Amino acid sequence: MFRRREPVPFAFVAEADRFRSNVTPPPRQRASRAQLLGQSLITLTVVGGLVGALLFGVPALQQDSSGPSRVHQSEAHR
């Protein structure tokens, strides 16, 4: 049979909010010019793709109301 162990005191969890570390993390390194250029090119490519999709997609979604609507031959013989 298994013997139950004593319950573990969780007082340290309550003290976690009050705990402050005296170790500061190292400063973040600044991005190099090549990294900044690469990130900006990726951003421009994504934005350009979205704009291009809108330019080609919006006219395709508009209904053509300039002429009479075409009726398929199968519907005309009813």
N, C-alpha and C. Protein backbone atom coordinates (compact mmCIF):
# COMPACT_ATOMS: atom_id res chain seq x y z
N MET A 1 0.83 -1.18 0.00
CA MET A 1 0.00 0.00 0.00
C MET A 1 0.87 1.24 0.00
N PHE A 2 0.30 2.25 -0.59
CA PHE A 2 1.04 3.51 -0.65
C PHE A 2 0.80 4.33 0.60
N ARG A 3 1.86 4.90 1.08
CA ARG A 3 1.75 5.74 2.26
C ARG A 3 1.69 7.19 1.82
N ARG A 4 0.76 7.92 2.34
CA ARG A 4 0.63 9.33 1.97
C ARG A 4 1.73 10.13 2.63
N ARG A 5 2.31 11.00 1.85
CA ARG A 5 3.32 11.89 2.40
C ARG A 5 2.66 13.07 3.10
N GLU A 6 3.44 13.78 3.85
CA GLU A 6 2.92 14.96 4.51
C GLU A 6 2.62 16.03 3.46
N PRO A 7 1.61 16.83 3.69
CA PRO A 7 1.31 17.90 2.73
C PRO A 7 2.46 18.90 2.67
N VAL A 8 2.70 19.39 1.48
CA VAL A 8 3.78 20.35 1.26
C VAL A 8 3.25 21.75 1.58
N PRO A 9 3.95 22.49 2.40
CA PRO A 9 3.48 23.85 2.69
C PRO A 9 3.70 24.75 1.47
N PHE A 10 2.68 25.48 1.10
CA PHE A 10 2.77 26.35 -0.07
C PHE A 10 2.85 27.81 0.32
N ALA A 11 3.52 28.08 1.42
CA ALA A 11 3.66 29.47 1.86
C ALA A 11 4.51 30.27 0.88
N PHE A 12 5.44 29.61 0.18
CA PHE A 12 6.31 30.34 -0.74
C PHE A 12 5.51 30.91 -1.92
N VAL A 13 4.36 30.31 -2.24
CA VAL A 13 3.54 30.83 -3.33
C VAL A 13 2.94 32.17 -2.93
N ALA A 14 2.52 32.30 -1.68
CA ALA A 14 1.96 33.56 -1.21
C ALA A 14 3.03 34.64 -1.16
N GLU A 15 4.26 34.26 -0.90
CA GLU A 15 5.34 35.24 -0.83
C GLU A 15 5.88 35.62 -2.20
N ALA A 16 5.45 34.95 -3.25
CA ALA A 16 5.99 35.21 -4.59
C ALA A 16 5.65 36.61 -5.07
N ASP A 17 4.51 37.15 -4.64
CA ASP A 17 4.14 38.50 -5.07
C ASP A 17 5.06 39.55 -4.47
N ARG A 18 5.58 39.27 -3.31
CA ARG A 18 6.43 40.24 -2.62
C ARG A 18 7.91 40.08 -2.98
N PHE A 19 8.25 39.02 -3.68
CA PHE A 19 9.65 38.75 -3.97
C PHE A 19 10.16 39.66 -5.09
N ARG A 20 11.26 40.31 -4.86
CA ARG A 20 11.89 41.16 -5.87
C ARG A 20 13.32 40.68 -6.07
N SER A 21 13.67 40.50 -7.31
CA SER A 21 15.01 40.03 -7.60
C SER A 21 15.96 41.21 -7.67
N ASN A 22 17.17 41.01 -7.22
CA ASN A 22 18.18 42.06 -7.31
C ASN A 22 19.08 41.85 -8.53
N VAL A 23 18.73 40.89 -9.38
CA VAL A 23 19.50 40.62 -10.59
C VAL A 23 18.79 41.26 -11.77
N THR A 24 19.47 42.16 -12.44
CA THR A 24 18.85 42.82 -13.59
C THR A 24 19.18 42.04 -14.85
N PRO A 25 18.23 41.91 -15.76
CA PRO A 25 18.52 41.19 -17.01
C PRO A 25 19.44 42.02 -17.89
N PRO A 26 20.15 41.39 -18.78
CA PRO A 26 21.05 42.14 -19.67
C PRO A 26 20.22 43.02 -20.61
N PRO A 27 20.79 44.14 -21.03
CA PRO A 27 20.04 45.02 -21.93
C PRO A 27 19.81 44.34 -23.29
N ARG A 28 18.67 44.69 -23.91
CA ARG A 28 18.37 44.11 -25.22
C ARG A 28 19.30 44.67 -26.28
N GLN A 29 19.71 43.80 -27.17
CA GLN A 29 20.58 44.26 -28.25
C GLN A 29 19.73 44.93 -29.32
N ARG A 30 20.26 45.99 -29.86
CA ARG A 30 19.55 46.70 -30.93
C ARG A 30 19.69 45.91 -32.22
N ALA A 31 18.67 46.00 -33.05
CA ALA A 31 18.69 45.29 -34.32
C ALA A 31 19.69 45.96 -35.26
N SER A 32 20.37 45.14 -36.02
CA SER A 32 21.34 45.70 -36.97
C SER A 32 20.60 46.28 -38.18
N ARG A 33 21.33 46.97 -39.02
CA ARG A 33 20.72 47.57 -40.22
C ARG A 33 20.17 46.49 -41.14
N ALA A 34 20.87 45.39 -41.25
CA ALA A 34 20.41 44.31 -42.12
C ALA A 34 19.10 43.72 -41.60
N GLN A 35 18.99 43.56 -40.28
CA GLN A 35 17.76 43.04 -39.70
C GLN A 35 16.61 44.02 -39.90
N LEU A 36 16.87 45.31 -39.70
CA LEU A 36 15.82 46.31 -39.91
C LEU A 36 15.38 46.35 -41.37
N LEU A 37 16.34 46.25 -42.28
CA LEU A 37 16.00 46.25 -43.70
C LEU A 37 15.20 45.01 -44.07
N GLY A 38 15.57 43.87 -43.54
CA GLY A 38 14.83 42.64 -43.81
C GLY A 38 13.41 42.69 -43.27
N GLN A 39 13.25 43.21 -42.06
CA GLN A 39 11.91 43.32 -41.48
C GLN A 39 11.05 44.29 -42.28
N SER A 40 11.63 45.39 -42.72
CA SER A 40 10.84 46.36 -43.48
C SER A 40 10.47 45.80 -44.86
N LEU A 41 11.36 45.02 -45.47
CA LEU A 41 11.02 44.42 -46.76
C LEU A 41 9.91 43.38 -46.63
N ILE A 42 9.95 42.61 -45.56
CA ILE A 42 8.88 41.63 -45.33
C ILE A 42 7.55 42.35 -45.11
N THR A 43 7.59 43.43 -44.33
CA THR A 43 6.37 44.20 -44.07
C THR A 43 5.82 44.79 -45.35
N LEU A 44 6.68 45.37 -46.16
CA LEU A 44 6.23 45.95 -47.44
C LEU A 44 5.67 44.89 -48.37
N THR A 45 6.27 43.70 -48.38
CA THR A 45 5.76 42.62 -49.23
C THR A 45 4.38 42.18 -48.78
N VAL A 46 4.17 42.03 -47.49
CA VAL A 46 2.86 41.61 -46.98
C VAL A 46 1.81 42.68 -47.26
N VAL A 47 2.13 43.93 -46.99
CA VAL A 47 1.19 45.02 -47.23
C VAL A 47 0.89 45.15 -48.72
N GLY A 48 1.92 45.02 -49.56
CA GLY A 48 1.72 45.08 -51.01
C GLY A 48 0.84 43.94 -51.50
N GLY A 49 1.01 42.76 -50.94
CA GLY A 49 0.16 41.64 -51.33
C GLY A 49 -1.29 41.86 -50.94
N LEU A 50 -1.52 42.41 -49.76
CA LEU A 50 -2.90 42.69 -49.34
C LEU A 50 -3.54 43.78 -50.21
N VAL A 51 -2.79 44.82 -50.53
CA VAL A 51 -3.31 45.88 -51.38
C VAL A 51 -3.59 45.34 -52.78
N GLY A 52 -2.70 44.53 -53.31
CA GLY A 52 -2.91 43.93 -54.63
C GLY A 52 -4.13 43.03 -54.65
N ALA A 53 -4.33 42.26 -53.58
CA ALA A 53 -5.51 41.40 -53.50
C ALA A 53 -6.78 42.23 -53.48
N LEU A 54 -6.75 43.36 -52.79
CA LEU A 54 -7.92 44.23 -52.78
C LEU A 54 -8.17 44.85 -54.15
N LEU A 55 -7.10 45.28 -54.81
CA LEU A 55 -7.26 45.91 -56.13
C LEU A 55 -7.83 44.95 -57.15
N PHE A 56 -7.42 43.69 -57.10
CA PHE A 56 -7.94 42.71 -58.05
C PHE A 56 -9.25 42.08 -57.59
N GLY A 57 -9.46 42.02 -56.30
CA GLY A 57 -10.64 41.33 -55.78
C GLY A 57 -11.90 42.16 -55.76
N VAL A 58 -11.79 43.46 -55.46
CA VAL A 58 -12.98 44.29 -55.35
C VAL A 58 -13.74 44.40 -56.67
N PRO A 59 -13.09 44.64 -57.81
CA PRO A 59 -13.86 44.68 -59.06
C PRO A 59 -14.52 43.34 -59.40
N ALA A 60 -13.91 42.26 -59.02
CA ALA A 60 -14.49 40.94 -59.31
C ALA A 60 -15.72 40.67 -58.47
N LEU A 61 -15.85 41.32 -57.32
CA LEU A 61 -17.00 41.11 -56.45
C LEU A 61 -18.19 42.00 -56.82
N GLN A 62 -17.96 43.03 -57.61
CA GLN A 62 -19.05 43.94 -57.98
C GLN A 62 -19.92 43.30 -59.05
N GLN A 63 -21.22 43.53 -58.92
CA GLN A 63 -22.15 42.99 -59.91
C GLN A 63 -22.19 43.90 -61.12
N ASP A 64 -22.32 43.30 -62.28
CA ASP A 64 -22.39 44.07 -63.53
C ASP A 64 -23.84 44.44 -63.77
N SER A 65 -24.18 45.70 -63.57
CA SER A 65 -25.56 46.14 -63.75
C SER A 65 -25.74 46.95 -65.03
N SER A 66 -24.75 46.95 -65.93
CA SER A 66 -24.83 47.76 -67.14
C SER A 66 -25.72 47.13 -68.20
N GLY A 67 -25.84 45.82 -68.23
CA GLY A 67 -26.63 45.17 -69.27
C GLY A 67 -27.63 44.22 -68.66
N PRO A 68 -28.48 43.65 -69.53
CA PRO A 68 -29.45 42.69 -69.02
C PRO A 68 -28.75 41.44 -68.52
N SER A 69 -29.37 40.82 -67.55
CA SER A 69 -28.75 39.63 -66.98
C SER A 69 -28.89 38.47 -67.96
N ARG A 70 -27.85 37.68 -68.04
CA ARG A 70 -27.87 36.54 -68.94
C ARG A 70 -28.60 35.39 -68.29
N VAL A 71 -29.37 34.68 -69.06
CA VAL A 71 -30.07 33.51 -68.57
C VAL A 71 -29.46 32.31 -69.26
N HIS A 72 -29.13 31.31 -68.47
CA HIS A 72 -28.55 30.11 -69.04
C HIS A 72 -29.58 29.41 -69.92
N GLN A 73 -29.13 28.69 -70.92
CA GLN A 73 -30.03 28.03 -71.86
C GLN A 73 -30.91 27.01 -71.15
N SER A 74 -30.40 26.34 -70.13
CA SER A 74 -31.21 25.34 -69.44
C SER A 74 -32.37 26.01 -68.71
N GLU A 75 -32.20 27.23 -68.26
CA GLU A 75 -33.27 27.94 -67.57
C GLU A 75 -34.26 28.55 -68.57
N ALA A 76 -33.81 28.86 -69.79
CA ALA A 76 -34.68 29.51 -70.78
C ALA A 76 -35.69 28.55 -71.37
N HIS A 77 -35.44 27.26 -71.36
CA HIS A 77 -36.33 26.28 -71.97
C HIS A 77 -37.39 25.76 -71.01
N ARG A 78 -37.57 26.34 -69.88
CA ARG A 78 -38.56 25.85 -68.92
C ARG A 78 -39.94 26.21 -69.32
